[in-house]
Amino acid sequence: MFLFPEHQERYEQFIKQDKTHPKDRERQALLYVLAGCQDLGERADLFYDFNDRLIRPENFNQVDLTSGTRSLLELAYNLYNNYPCRTAVDLFASLDELNKQLAVEAIKIRFGLEQV
């Protein structure tokens, strides 16, 4: 389920830092995506406020992201709280195979099809 060892380590760090409840699938999916994308994970504080436990969409357009990374962030926000985003077809069109896998696993987490 985790794409590489650092993905799991970063995910567990984010879950601990956020004090995410084990049944909070919305945050688990969000943090799973942030942890699995190096560009997002290294700057997670720009996209998620761990103190107030809220996404930070005001920074969405303030940071230079690749189209694939932007798609992952849109998906993560949408899985978290139904944040408006492009269609699934549009989001997946800019993802490489690894990031498609990341996105699918996040969807599984959000809808309870897979436990982390």
PDB file of N, CA and C in Angstrom:
ATOM      1  N   MET A   1       0.805  -1.181   0.000  1.00  0.00           N
ATOM      2  CA  MET A   1       0.000   0.000   0.000  1.00  0.00           C
ATOM      3  C   MET A   1       0.865   1.268   0.000  1.00  0.00           C
ATOM      4  N   PHE A   2       1.928   1.285   0.761  1.00  0.00           N
ATOM      5  CA  PHE A   2       2.847   2.418   0.726  1.00  0.00           C
ATOM      6  C   PHE A   2       3.790   2.215  -0.454  1.00  0.00           C
ATOM      7  N   LEU A   3       4.108   3.285  -1.132  1.00  0.00           N
ATOM      8  CA  LEU A   3       4.856   3.192  -2.374  1.00  0.00           C
ATOM      9  C   LEU A   3       6.343   2.989  -2.178  1.00  0.00           C
ATOM     10  N   PHE A   4       6.860   3.428  -1.030  1.00  0.00           N
ATOM     11  CA  PHE A   4       8.278   3.279  -0.714  1.00  0.00           C
ATOM     12  C   PHE A   4       8.423   3.490   0.787  1.00  0.00           C
ATOM     13  N   PRO A   5       9.529   3.038   1.397  1.00  0.00           N
ATOM     14  CA  PRO A   5       9.668   3.120   2.866  1.00  0.00           C
ATOM     15  C   PRO A   5       9.478   4.532   3.426  1.00  0.00           C
ATOM     16  N   GLU A   6      10.024   5.543   2.750  1.00  0.00           N
ATOM     17  CA  GLU A   6       9.891   6.912   3.245  1.00  0.00           C
ATOM     18  C   GLU A   6       8.444   7.386   3.237  1.00  0.00           C
ATOM     19  N   HIS A   7       7.642   6.833   2.330  1.00  0.00           N
ATOM     20  CA  HIS A   7       6.219   7.182   2.271  1.00  0.00           C
ATOM     21  C   HIS A   7       5.543   6.786   3.583  1.00  0.00           C
ATOM     22  N   GLN A   8       5.773   5.570   4.011  1.00  0.00           N
ATOM     23  CA  GLN A   8       5.170   5.106   5.264  1.00  0.00           C
ATOM     24  C   GLN A   8       5.704   5.900   6.458  1.00  0.00           C
ATOM     25  N   GLU A   9       7.000   6.143   6.484  1.00  0.00           N
ATOM     26  CA  GLU A   9       7.592   6.902   7.594  1.00  0.00           C
ATOM     27  C   GLU A   9       7.001   8.309   7.675  1.00  0.00           C
ATOM     28  N   ARG A  10       6.919   8.984   6.544  1.00  0.00           N
ATOM     29  CA  ARG A  10       6.380  10.342   6.522  1.00  0.00           C
ATOM     30  C   ARG A  10       4.892  10.336   6.883  1.00  0.00           C
ATOM     31  N   TYR A  11       4.157   9.365   6.359  1.00  0.00           N
ATOM     32  CA  TYR A  11       2.733   9.248   6.679  1.00  0.00           C
ATOM     33  C   TYR A  11       2.535   9.081   8.186  1.00  0.00           C
ATOM     34  N   GLU A  12       3.264   8.182   8.792  1.00  0.00           N
ATOM     35  CA  GLU A  12       3.145   7.956  10.229  1.00  0.00           C
ATOM     36  C   GLU A  12       3.532   9.202  11.021  1.00  0.00           C
ATOM     37  N   GLN A  13       4.533   9.919  10.553  1.00  0.00           N
ATOM     38  CA  GLN A  13       4.934  11.178  11.192  1.00  0.00           C
ATOM     39  C   GLN A  13       3.796  12.195  11.110  1.00  0.00           C
ATOM     40  N   PHE A  14       3.188  12.326   9.937  1.00  0.00           N
ATOM     41  CA  PHE A  14       2.078  13.269   9.762  1.00  0.00           C
ATOM     42  C   PHE A  14       0.885  12.890  10.638  1.00  0.00           C
ATOM     43  N   ILE A  15       0.552  11.624  10.692  1.00  0.00           N
ATOM     44  CA  ILE A  15      -0.577  11.147  11.503  1.00  0.00           C
ATOM     45  C   ILE A  15      -0.330  11.479  12.975  1.00  0.00           C
ATOM     46  N   LYS A  16       0.890  11.243  13.427  1.00  0.00           N
ATOM     47  CA  LYS A  16       1.240  11.538  14.817  1.00  0.00           C
ATOM     48  C   LYS A  16       1.219  13.036  15.082  1.00  0.00           C
ATOM     49  N   GLN A  17       1.800  13.812  14.192  1.00  0.00           N
ATOM     50  CA  GLN A  17       1.855  15.261  14.340  1.00  0.00           C
ATOM     51  C   GLN A  17       0.445  15.859  14.377  1.00  0.00           C
ATOM     52  N   ASP A  18      -0.447  15.316  13.572  1.00  0.00           N
ATOM     53  CA  ASP A  18      -1.822  15.806  13.471  1.00  0.00           C
ATOM     54  C   ASP A  18      -2.732  15.236  14.555  1.00  0.00           C
ATOM     55  N   LYS A  19      -2.280  14.143  15.185  1.00  0.00           N
ATOM     56  CA  LYS A  19      -3.115  13.421  16.154  1.00  0.00           C
ATOM     57  C   LYS A  19      -4.411  12.950  15.499  1.00  0.00           C
ATOM     58  N   THR A  20      -4.264  12.413  14.308  1.00  0.00           N
ATOM     59  CA  THR A  20      -5.411  11.952  13.535  1.00  0.00           C
ATOM     60  C   THR A  20      -6.061  10.751  14.215  1.00  0.00           C
ATOM     61  N   HIS A  21      -7.368  10.815  14.361  1.00  0.00           N
ATOM     62  CA  HIS A  21      -8.137   9.712  14.946  1.00  0.00           C
ATOM     63  C   HIS A  21      -8.112   8.534  13.967  1.00  0.00           C
ATOM     64  N   PRO A  22      -8.034   7.307  14.473  1.00  0.00           N
ATOM     65  CA  PRO A  22      -7.973   6.132  13.595  1.00  0.00           C
ATOM     66  C   PRO A  22      -9.158   5.992  12.639  1.00  0.00           C
ATOM     67  N   LYS A  23     -10.288   6.604  12.945  1.00  0.00           N
ATOM     68  CA  LYS A  23     -11.458   6.504  12.068  1.00  0.00           C
ATOM     69  C   LYS A  23     -11.615   7.713  11.150  1.00  0.00           C
ATOM     70  N   ASP A  24     -10.681   8.639  11.197  1.00  0.00           N
ATOM     71  CA  ASP A  24     -10.758   9.849  10.377  1.00  0.00           C
ATOM     72  C   ASP A  24     -10.163   9.566   8.996  1.00  0.00           C
ATOM     73  N   ARG A  25     -10.962   8.921   8.154  1.00  0.00           N
ATOM     74  CA  ARG A  25     -10.495   8.514   6.825  1.00  0.00           C
ATOM     75  C   ARG A  25     -10.210   9.714   5.915  1.00  0.00           C
ATOM     76  N   GLU A  26     -10.911  10.822   6.146  1.00  0.00           N
ATOM     77  CA  GLU A  26     -10.686  12.003   5.321  1.00  0.00           C
ATOM     78  C   GLU A  26      -9.261  12.525   5.494  1.00  0.00           C
ATOM     79  N   ARG A  27      -8.841  12.686   6.746  1.00  0.00           N
ATOM     80  CA  ARG A  27      -7.474  13.166   6.992  1.00  0.00           C
ATOM     81  C   ARG A  27      -6.447  12.103   6.619  1.00  0.00           C
ATOM     82  N   GLN A  28      -6.743  10.851   6.858  1.00  0.00           N
ATOM     83  CA  GLN A  28      -5.810   9.793   6.482  1.00  0.00           C
ATOM     84  C   GLN A  28      -5.534   9.828   4.984  1.00  0.00           C
ATOM     85  N   ALA A  29      -6.577  10.001   4.174  1.00  0.00           N
ATOM     86  CA  ALA A  29      -6.400  10.059   2.720  1.00  0.00           C
ATOM     87  C   ALA A  29      -5.579  11.274   2.325  1.00  0.00           C
ATOM     88  N   LEU A  30      -5.899  12.420   2.915  1.00  0.00           N
ATOM     89  CA  LEU A  30      -5.152  13.650   2.644  1.00  0.00           C
ATOM     90  C   LEU A  30      -3.678  13.480   2.983  1.00  0.00           C
ATOM     91  N   LEU A  31      -3.402  13.003   4.182  1.00  0.00           N
ATOM     92  CA  LEU A  31      -2.018  12.855   4.641  1.00  0.00           C
ATOM     93  C   LEU A  31      -1.281  11.769   3.880  1.00  0.00           C
ATOM     94  N   TYR A  32      -2.001  10.749   3.433  1.00  0.00           N
ATOM     95  CA  TYR A  32      -1.411   9.693   2.611  1.00  0.00           C
ATOM     96  C   TYR A  32      -0.866  10.290   1.306  1.00  0.00           C
ATOM     97  N   VAL A  33      -1.654  11.148   0.678  1.00  0.00           N
ATOM     98  CA  VAL A  33      -1.204  11.780  -0.565  1.00  0.00           C
ATOM     99  C   VAL A  33      -0.025  12.711  -0.297  1.00  0.00           C
ATOM    100  N   LEU A  34      -0.141  13.561   0.705  1.00  0.00           N
ATOM    101  CA  LEU A  34       0.962  14.484   1.013  1.00  0.00           C
ATOM    102  C   LEU A  34       2.252  13.713   1.287  1.00  0.00           C
ATOM    103  N   ALA A  35       2.157  12.625   2.013  1.00  0.00           N
ATOM    104  CA  ALA A  35       3.339  11.839   2.368  1.00  0.00           C
ATOM    105  C   ALA A  35       3.919  11.094   1.170  1.00  0.00           C
ATOM    106  N   GLY A  36       3.083  10.746   0.213  1.00  0.00           N
ATOM    107  CA  GLY A  36       3.519   9.933  -0.917  1.00  0.00           C
ATOM    108  C   GLY A  36       4.090  10.707  -2.078  1.00  0.00           C
ATOM    109  N   CYS A  37       3.943  12.004  -2.057  1.00  0.00           N
ATOM    110  CA  CYS A  37       4.491  12.861  -3.116  1.00  0.00           C
ATOM    111  C   CYS A  37       5.603  13.698  -2.492  1.00  0.00           C
ATOM    112  N   GLN A  38       6.812  13.470  -2.908  1.00  0.00           N
ATOM    113  CA  GLN A  38       7.951  14.139  -2.288  1.00  0.00           C
ATOM    114  C   GLN A  38       7.791  15.657  -2.292  1.00  0.00           C
ATOM    115  N   ASP A  39       7.363  16.218  -3.404  1.00  0.00           N
ATOM    116  CA  ASP A  39       7.223  17.667  -3.508  1.00  0.00           C
ATOM    117  C   ASP A  39       6.192  18.211  -2.519  1.00  0.00           C
ATOM    118  N   LEU A  40       5.100  17.495  -2.317  1.00  0.00           N
ATOM    119  CA  LEU A  40       4.089  17.917  -1.352  1.00  0.00           C
ATOM    120  C   LEU A  40       4.531  17.611   0.078  1.00  0.00           C
ATOM    121  N   GLY A  41       5.110  16.459   0.270  1.00  0.00           N
ATOM    122  CA  GLY A  41       5.524  16.051   1.612  1.00  0.00           C
ATOM    123  C   GLY A  41       6.572  16.965   2.224  1.00  0.00           C
ATOM    124  N   GLU A  42       7.497  17.428   1.398  1.00  0.00           N
ATOM    125  CA  GLU A  42       8.547  18.318   1.903  1.00  0.00           C
ATOM    126  C   GLU A  42       8.014  19.692   2.267  1.00  0.00           C
ATOM    127  N   ARG A  43       6.849  20.035   1.716  1.00  0.00           N
ATOM    128  CA  ARG A  43       6.255  21.348   1.988  1.00  0.00           C
ATOM    129  C   ARG A  43       4.835  21.206   2.549  1.00  0.00           C
ATOM    130  N   ALA A  44       4.600  20.127   3.258  1.00  0.00           N
ATOM    131  CA  ALA A  44       3.254  19.838   3.754  1.00  0.00           C
ATOM    132  C   ALA A  44       2.666  20.974   4.575  1.00  0.00           C
ATOM    133  N   ASP A  45       3.502  21.667   5.328  1.00  0.00           N
ATOM    134  CA  ASP A  45       3.014  22.775   6.155  1.00  0.00           C
ATOM    135  C   ASP A  45       2.409  23.908   5.325  1.00  0.00           C
ATOM    136  N   LEU A  46       2.790  24.001   4.063  1.00  0.00           N
ATOM    137  CA  LEU A  46       2.200  25.018   3.192  1.00  0.00           C
ATOM    138  C   LEU A  46       0.769  24.654   2.793  1.00  0.00           C
ATOM    139  N   PHE A  47       0.486  23.357   2.782  1.00  0.00           N
ATOM    140  CA  PHE A  47      -0.793  22.891   2.270  1.00  0.00           C
ATOM    141  C   PHE A  47      -1.747  22.398   3.354  1.00  0.00           C
ATOM    142  N   TYR A  48      -1.212  22.161   4.554  1.00  0.00           N
ATOM    143  CA  TYR A  48      -2.033  21.688   5.664  1.00  0.00           C
ATOM    144  C   TYR A  48      -1.500  22.288   6.953  1.00  0.00           C
ATOM    145  N   ASP A  49      -2.386  22.856   7.738  1.00  0.00           N
ATOM    146  CA  ASP A  49      -2.025  23.451   9.022  1.00  0.00           C
ATOM    147  C   ASP A  49      -2.193  22.380  10.099  1.00  0.00           C
ATOM    148  N   PHE A  50      -1.080  21.854  10.569  1.00  0.00           N
ATOM    149  CA  PHE A  50      -1.114  20.775  11.559  1.00  0.00           C
ATOM    150  C   PHE A  50      -1.584  21.258  12.930  1.00  0.00           C
ATOM    151  N   ASN A  51      -1.470  22.541  13.213  1.00  0.00           N
ATOM    152  CA  ASN A  51      -1.935  23.070  14.503  1.00  0.00           C
ATOM    153  C   ASN A  51      -3.448  23.226  14.525  1.00  0.00           C
ATOM    154  N   ASP A  52      -3.989  23.866  13.488  1.00  0.00           N
ATOM    155  CA  ASP A  52      -5.438  24.076  13.424  1.00  0.00           C
ATOM    156  C   ASP A  52      -6.157  22.917  12.736  1.00  0.00           C
ATOM    157  N   ARG A  53      -5.370  22.016  12.152  1.00  0.00           N
ATOM    158  CA  ARG A  53      -5.883  20.811  11.507  1.00  0.00           C
ATOM    159  C   ARG A  53      -6.816  21.139  10.345  1.00  0.00           C
ATOM    160  N   LEU A  54      -6.342  22.035   9.474  1.00  0.00           N
ATOM    161  CA  LEU A  54      -7.116  22.482   8.322  1.00  0.00           C
ATOM    162  C   LEU A  54      -6.245  22.536   7.075  1.00  0.00           C
ATOM    163  N   ILE A  55      -6.881  22.315   5.927  1.00  0.00           N
ATOM    164  CA  ILE A  55      -6.151  22.509   4.676  1.00  0.00           C
ATOM    165  C   ILE A  55      -5.911  23.996   4.483  1.00  0.00           C
ATOM    166  N   ARG A  56      -4.923  24.297   3.666  1.00  0.00           N
ATOM    167  CA  ARG A  56      -4.556  25.696   3.420  1.00  0.00           C
ATOM    168  C   ARG A  56      -4.683  26.009   1.925  1.00  0.00           C
ATOM    169  N   PRO A  57      -5.914  26.043   1.423  1.00  0.00           N
ATOM    170  CA  PRO A  57      -6.098  26.278  -0.018  1.00  0.00           C
ATOM    171  C   PRO A  57      -5.619  27.647  -0.471  1.00  0.00           C
ATOM    172  N   GLU A  58      -5.472  28.589   0.458  1.00  0.00           N
ATOM    173  CA  GLU A  58      -4.972  29.905   0.071  1.00  0.00           C
ATOM    174  C   GLU A  58      -3.554  29.822  -0.491  1.00  0.00           C
ATOM    175  N   ASN A  59      -2.825  28.767  -0.169  1.00  0.00           N
ATOM    176  CA  ASN A  59      -1.465  28.593  -0.684  1.00  0.00           C
ATOM    177  C   ASN A  59      -1.415  27.773  -1.970  1.00  0.00           C
ATOM    178  N   PHE A  60      -2.563  27.277  -2.383  1.00  0.00           N
ATOM    179  CA  PHE A  60      -2.622  26.393  -3.547  1.00  0.00           C
ATOM    180  C   PHE A  60      -1.967  27.017  -4.774  1.00  0.00           C
ATOM    181  N   ASN A  61      -2.271  28.262  -5.036  1.00  0.00           N
ATOM    182  CA  ASN A  61      -1.736  28.916  -6.225  1.00  0.00           C
ATOM    183  C   ASN A  61      -0.498  29.759  -5.946  1.00  0.00           C
ATOM    184  N   GLN A  62      -0.013  29.738  -4.709  1.00  0.00           N
ATOM    185  CA  GLN A  62       1.172  30.513  -4.348  1.00  0.00           C
ATOM    186  C   GLN A  62       2.471  29.751  -4.576  1.00  0.00           C
ATOM    187  N   VAL A  63       2.350  28.461  -4.824  1.00  0.00           N
ATOM    188  CA  VAL A  63       3.517  27.604  -4.954  1.00  0.00           C
ATOM    189  C   VAL A  63       3.567  27.041  -6.370  1.00  0.00           C
ATOM    190  N   ASP A  64       4.745  27.013  -6.957  1.00  0.00           N
ATOM    191  CA  ASP A  64       4.925  26.465  -8.291  1.00  0.00           C
ATOM    192  C   ASP A  64       4.931  24.938  -8.210  1.00  0.00           C
ATOM    193  N   LEU A  65       3.909  24.315  -8.781  1.00  0.00           N
ATOM    194  CA  LEU A  65       3.779  22.861  -8.767  1.00  0.00           C
ATOM    195  C   LEU A  65       3.676  22.333 -10.189  1.00  0.00           C
ATOM    196  N   THR A  66       4.153  21.118 -10.396  1.00  0.00           N
ATOM    197  CA  THR A  66       3.951  20.478 -11.693  1.00  0.00           C
ATOM    198  C   THR A  66       2.463  20.169 -11.847  1.00  0.00           C
ATOM    199  N   SER A  67       2.051  19.882 -13.058  1.00  0.00           N
ATOM    200  CA  SER A  67       0.632  19.571 -13.279  1.00  0.00           C
ATOM    201  C   SER A  67       0.224  18.316 -12.509  1.00  0.00           C
ATOM    202  N   GLY A  68       1.099  17.325 -12.442  1.00  0.00           N
ATOM    203  CA  GLY A  68       0.794  16.110 -11.709  1.00  0.00           C
ATOM    204  C   GLY A  68       0.687  16.348 -10.212  1.00  0.00           C
ATOM    205  N   THR A  69       1.607  17.132  -9.679  1.00  0.00           N
ATOM    206  CA  THR A  69       1.583  17.442  -8.244  1.00  0.00           C
ATOM    207  C   THR A  69       0.350  18.266  -7.903  1.00  0.00           C
ATOM    208  N   ARG A  70       0.001  19.198  -8.762  1.00  0.00           N
ATOM    209  CA  ARG A  70      -1.205  20.011  -8.557  1.00  0.00           C
ATOM    210  C   ARG A  70      -2.449  19.114  -8.559  1.00  0.00           C
ATOM    211  N   SER A  71      -2.480  18.148  -9.458  1.00  0.00           N
ATOM    212  CA  SER A  71      -3.613  17.213  -9.512  1.00  0.00           C
ATOM    213  C   SER A  71      -3.722  16.396  -8.229  1.00  0.00           C
ATOM    214  N   LEU A  72      -2.592  15.934  -7.727  1.00  0.00           N
ATOM    215  CA  LEU A  72      -2.605  15.181  -6.472  1.00  0.00           C
ATOM    216  C   LEU A  72      -3.111  16.030  -5.318  1.00  0.00           C
ATOM    217  N   LEU A  73      -2.680  17.272  -5.261  1.00  0.00           N
ATOM    218  CA  LEU A  73      -3.122  18.155  -4.189  1.00  0.00           C
ATOM    219  C   LEU A  73      -4.622  18.437  -4.302  1.00  0.00           C
ATOM    220  N   GLU A  74      -5.098  18.667  -5.507  1.00  0.00           N
ATOM    221  CA  GLU A  74      -6.545  18.859  -5.706  1.00  0.00           C
ATOM    222  C   GLU A  74      -7.318  17.639  -5.223  1.00  0.00           C
ATOM    223  N   LEU A  75      -6.843  16.459  -5.606  1.00  0.00           N
ATOM    224  CA  LEU A  75      -7.507  15.231  -5.189  1.00  0.00           C
ATOM    225  C   LEU A  75      -7.483  15.085  -3.673  1.00  0.00           C
ATOM    226  N   ALA A  76      -6.338  15.343  -3.067  1.00  0.00           N
ATOM    227  CA  ALA A  76      -6.215  15.217  -1.610  1.00  0.00           C
ATOM    228  C   ALA A  76      -7.193  16.147  -0.898  1.00  0.00           C
ATOM    229  N   TYR A  77      -7.287  17.384  -1.365  1.00  0.00           N
ATOM    230  CA  TYR A  77      -8.227  18.344  -0.774  1.00  0.00           C
ATOM    231  C   TYR A  77      -9.670  17.883  -0.981  1.00  0.00           C
ATOM    232  N   ASN A  78      -9.957  17.363  -2.154  1.00  0.00           N
ATOM    233  CA  ASN A  78     -11.308  16.907  -2.430  1.00  0.00           C
ATOM    234  C   ASN A  78     -11.689  15.719  -1.551  1.00  0.00           C
ATOM    235  N   LEU A  79     -10.767  14.795  -1.360  1.00  0.00           N
ATOM    236  CA  LEU A  79     -11.037  13.649  -0.498  1.00  0.00           C
ATOM    237  C   LEU A  79     -11.199  14.072   0.956  1.00  0.00           C
ATOM    238  N   TYR A  80     -10.541  15.149   1.333  1.00  0.00           N
ATOM    239  CA  TYR A  80     -10.610  15.642   2.703  1.00  0.00           C
ATOM    240  C   TYR A  80     -11.967  16.278   3.011  1.00  0.00           C
ATOM    241  N   ASN A  81     -12.400  17.215   2.172  1.00  0.00           N
ATOM    242  CA  ASN A  81     -13.652  17.906   2.513  1.00  0.00           C
ATOM    243  C   ASN A  81     -14.482  18.303   1.298  1.00  0.00           C
ATOM    244  N   ASN A  82     -14.343  17.537   0.227  1.00  0.00           N
ATOM    245  CA  ASN A  82     -15.101  17.801  -0.997  1.00  0.00           C
ATOM    246  C   ASN A  82     -14.722  19.143  -1.626  1.00  0.00           C
ATOM    247  N   TYR A  83     -13.489  19.564  -1.429  1.00  0.00           N
ATOM    248  CA  TYR A  83     -12.967  20.778  -2.039  1.00  0.00           C
ATOM    249  C   TYR A  83     -13.174  20.683  -3.551  1.00  0.00           C
ATOM    250  N   PRO A  84     -13.676  21.749  -4.175  1.00  0.00           N
ATOM    251  CA  PRO A  84     -13.940  21.692  -5.622  1.00  0.00           C
ATOM    252  C   PRO A  84     -12.668  21.389  -6.414  1.00  0.00           C
ATOM    253  N   CYS A  85     -12.800  20.487  -7.355  1.00  0.00           N
ATOM    254  CA  CYS A  85     -11.658  20.143  -8.199  1.00  0.00           C
ATOM    255  C   CYS A  85     -12.153  19.704  -9.573  1.00  0.00           C
ATOM    256  N   ARG A  86     -11.201  19.468 -10.443  1.00  0.00           N
ATOM    257  CA  ARG A  86     -11.522  18.980 -11.784  1.00  0.00           C
ATOM    258  C   ARG A  86     -12.060  17.556 -11.698  1.00  0.00           C
ATOM    259  N   THR A  87     -12.510  17.039 -12.800  1.00  0.00           N
ATOM    260  CA  THR A  87     -13.041  15.673 -12.831  1.00  0.00           C
ATOM    261  C   THR A  87     -11.912  14.665 -12.608  1.00  0.00           C
ATOM    262  N   ALA A  88     -12.295  13.466 -12.251  1.00  0.00           N
ATOM    263  CA  ALA A  88     -11.309  12.393 -12.069  1.00  0.00           C
ATOM    264  C   ALA A  88     -10.524  12.162 -13.350  1.00  0.00           C
ATOM    265  N   VAL A  89     -11.183  12.205 -14.484  1.00  0.00           N
ATOM    266  CA  VAL A  89     -10.506  12.013 -15.770  1.00  0.00           C
ATOM    267  C   VAL A  89      -9.439  13.088 -15.961  1.00  0.00           C
ATOM    268  N   ASP A  90      -9.789  14.338 -15.677  1.00  0.00           N
ATOM    269  CA  ASP A  90      -8.827  15.432 -15.823  1.00  0.00           C
ATOM    270  C   ASP A  90      -7.665  15.291 -14.843  1.00  0.00           C
ATOM    271  N   LEU A  91      -7.968  14.941 -13.599  1.00  0.00           N
ATOM    272  CA  LEU A  91      -6.911  14.794 -12.594  1.00  0.00           C
ATOM    273  C   LEU A  91      -5.946  13.676 -12.968  1.00  0.00           C
ATOM    274  N   PHE A  92      -6.476  12.530 -13.363  1.00  0.00           N
ATOM    275  CA  PHE A  92      -5.632  11.375 -13.668  1.00  0.00           C
ATOM    276  C   PHE A  92      -4.830  11.559 -14.956  1.00  0.00           C
ATOM    277  N   ALA A  93      -5.290  12.413 -15.849  1.00  0.00           N
ATOM    278  CA  ALA A  93      -4.606  12.608 -17.134  1.00  0.00           C
ATOM    279  C   ALA A  93      -3.180  13.111 -16.968  1.00  0.00           C
ATOM    280  N   SER A  94      -2.909  13.844 -15.896  1.00  0.00           N
ATOM    281  CA  SER A  94      -1.567  14.418 -15.717  1.00  0.00           C
ATOM    282  C   SER A  94      -0.687  13.607 -14.760  1.00  0.00           C
ATOM    283  N   LEU A  95      -1.177  12.451 -14.322  1.00  0.00           N
ATOM    284  CA  LEU A  95      -0.415  11.643 -13.367  1.00  0.00           C
ATOM    285  C   LEU A  95       0.380  10.549 -14.066  1.00  0.00           C
ATOM    286  N   ASP A  96       1.599  10.321 -13.590  1.00  0.00           N
ATOM    287  CA  ASP A  96       2.365   9.173 -14.071  1.00  0.00           C
ATOM    288  C   ASP A  96       1.859   7.927 -13.354  1.00  0.00           C
ATOM    289  N   GLU A  97       2.401   6.780 -13.695  1.00  0.00           N
ATOM    290  CA  GLU A  97       1.892   5.515 -13.138  1.00  0.00           C
ATOM    291  C   GLU A  97       1.994   5.456 -11.610  1.00  0.00           C
ATOM    292  N   LEU A  98       3.106   5.910 -11.068  1.00  0.00           N
ATOM    293  CA  LEU A  98       3.290   5.876  -9.612  1.00  0.00           C
ATOM    294  C   LEU A  98       2.266   6.773  -8.914  1.00  0.00           C
ATOM    295  N   ASN A  99       2.053   7.953  -9.449  1.00  0.00           N
ATOM    296  CA  ASN A  99       1.099   8.867  -8.828  1.00  0.00           C
ATOM    297  C   ASN A  99      -0.348   8.435  -9.053  1.00  0.00           C
ATOM    298  N   LYS A 100      -0.616   7.714 -10.135  1.00  0.00           N
ATOM    299  CA  LYS A 100      -1.952   7.123 -10.308  1.00  0.00           C
ATOM    300  C   LYS A 100      -2.200   6.099  -9.206  1.00  0.00           C
ATOM    301  N   GLN A 101      -1.181   5.307  -8.903  1.00  0.00           N
ATOM    302  CA  GLN A 101      -1.303   4.330  -7.825  1.00  0.00           C
ATOM    303  C   GLN A 101      -1.531   5.036  -6.488  1.00  0.00           C
ATOM    304  N   LEU A 102      -0.798   6.112  -6.244  1.00  0.00           N
ATOM    305  CA  LEU A 102      -0.967   6.903  -5.025  1.00  0.00           C
ATOM    306  C   LEU A 102      -2.406   7.420  -4.920  1.00  0.00           C
ATOM    307  N   ALA A 103      -2.919   7.945  -6.019  1.00  0.00           N
ATOM    308  CA  ALA A 103      -4.279   8.482  -6.032  1.00  0.00           C
ATOM    309  C   ALA A 103      -5.319   7.392  -5.772  1.00  0.00           C
ATOM    310  N   VAL A 104      -5.167   6.255  -6.410  1.00  0.00           N
ATOM    311  CA  VAL A 104      -6.121   5.157  -6.220  1.00  0.00           C
ATOM    312  C   VAL A 104      -6.100   4.661  -4.776  1.00  0.00           C
ATOM    313  N   GLU A 105      -4.926   4.526  -4.200  1.00  0.00           N
ATOM    314  CA  GLU A 105      -4.827   4.073  -2.808  1.00  0.00           C
ATOM    315  C   GLU A 105      -5.466   5.092  -1.858  1.00  0.00           C
ATOM    316  N   ALA A 106      -5.295   6.377  -2.142  1.00  0.00           N
ATOM    317  CA  ALA A 106      -5.914   7.417  -1.310  1.00  0.00           C
ATOM    318  C   ALA A 106      -7.434   7.334  -1.395  1.00  0.00           C
ATOM    319  N   ILE A 107      -7.954   7.076  -2.577  1.00  0.00           N
ATOM    320  CA  ILE A 107      -9.403   6.917  -2.741  1.00  0.00           C
ATOM    321  C   ILE A 107      -9.886   5.710  -1.944  1.00  0.00           C
ATOM    322  N   LYS A 108      -9.140   4.633  -1.982  1.00  0.00           N
ATOM    323  CA  LYS A 108      -9.504   3.440  -1.197  1.00  0.00           C
ATOM    324  C   LYS A 108      -9.541   3.755   0.293  1.00  0.00           C
ATOM    325  N   ILE A 109      -8.560   4.499   0.764  1.00  0.00           N
ATOM    326  CA  ILE A 109      -8.512   4.871   2.186  1.00  0.00           C
ATOM    327  C   ILE A 109      -9.745   5.708   2.529  1.00  0.00           C
ATOM    328  N   ARG A 110     -10.017   6.704   1.712  1.00  0.00           N
ATOM    329  CA  ARG A 110     -11.121   7.631   1.998  1.00  0.00           C
ATOM    330  C   ARG A 110     -12.466   6.910   2.081  1.00  0.00           C
ATOM    331  N   PHE A 111     -12.669   5.922   1.244  1.00  0.00           N
ATOM    332  CA  PHE A 111     -13.959   5.244   1.206  1.00  0.00           C
ATOM    333  C   PHE A 111     -13.961   3.913   1.950  1.00  0.00           C
ATOM    334  N   GLY A 112     -12.948   3.691   2.761  1.00  0.00           N
ATOM    335  CA  GLY A 112     -12.923   2.524   3.637  1.00  0.00           C
ATOM    336  C   GLY A 112     -12.688   1.201   2.932  1.00  0.00           C
ATOM    337  N   LEU A 113     -12.086   1.239   1.762  1.00  0.00           N
ATOM    338  CA  LEU A 113     -11.810   0.028   1.021  1.00  0.00           C
ATOM    339  C   LEU A 113     -10.448  -0.558   1.403  1.00  0.00           C
ATOM    340  N   GLU A 114      -9.670   0.231   2.118  1.00  0.00           N
ATOM    341  CA  GLU A 114      -8.357  -0.216   2.567  1.00  0.00           C
ATOM    342  C   GLU A 114      -8.032   0.504   3.868  1.00  0.00           C
ATOM    343  N   GLN A 115      -7.478  -0.207   4.797  1.00  0.00           N
ATOM    344  CA  GLN A 115      -7.105   0.376   6.084  1.00  0.00           C
ATOM    345  C   GLN A 115      -5.603   0.641   6.097  1.00  0.00           C
ATOM    346  N   VAL A 116      -5.226   1.778   6.681  1.00  0.00           N
ATOM    347  CA  VAL A 116      -3.803   2.100   6.801  1.00  0.00           C
ATOM    348  C   VAL A 116      -3.339   1.781   8.206  1.00  0.00           C
TER     349      VAL A 116
END
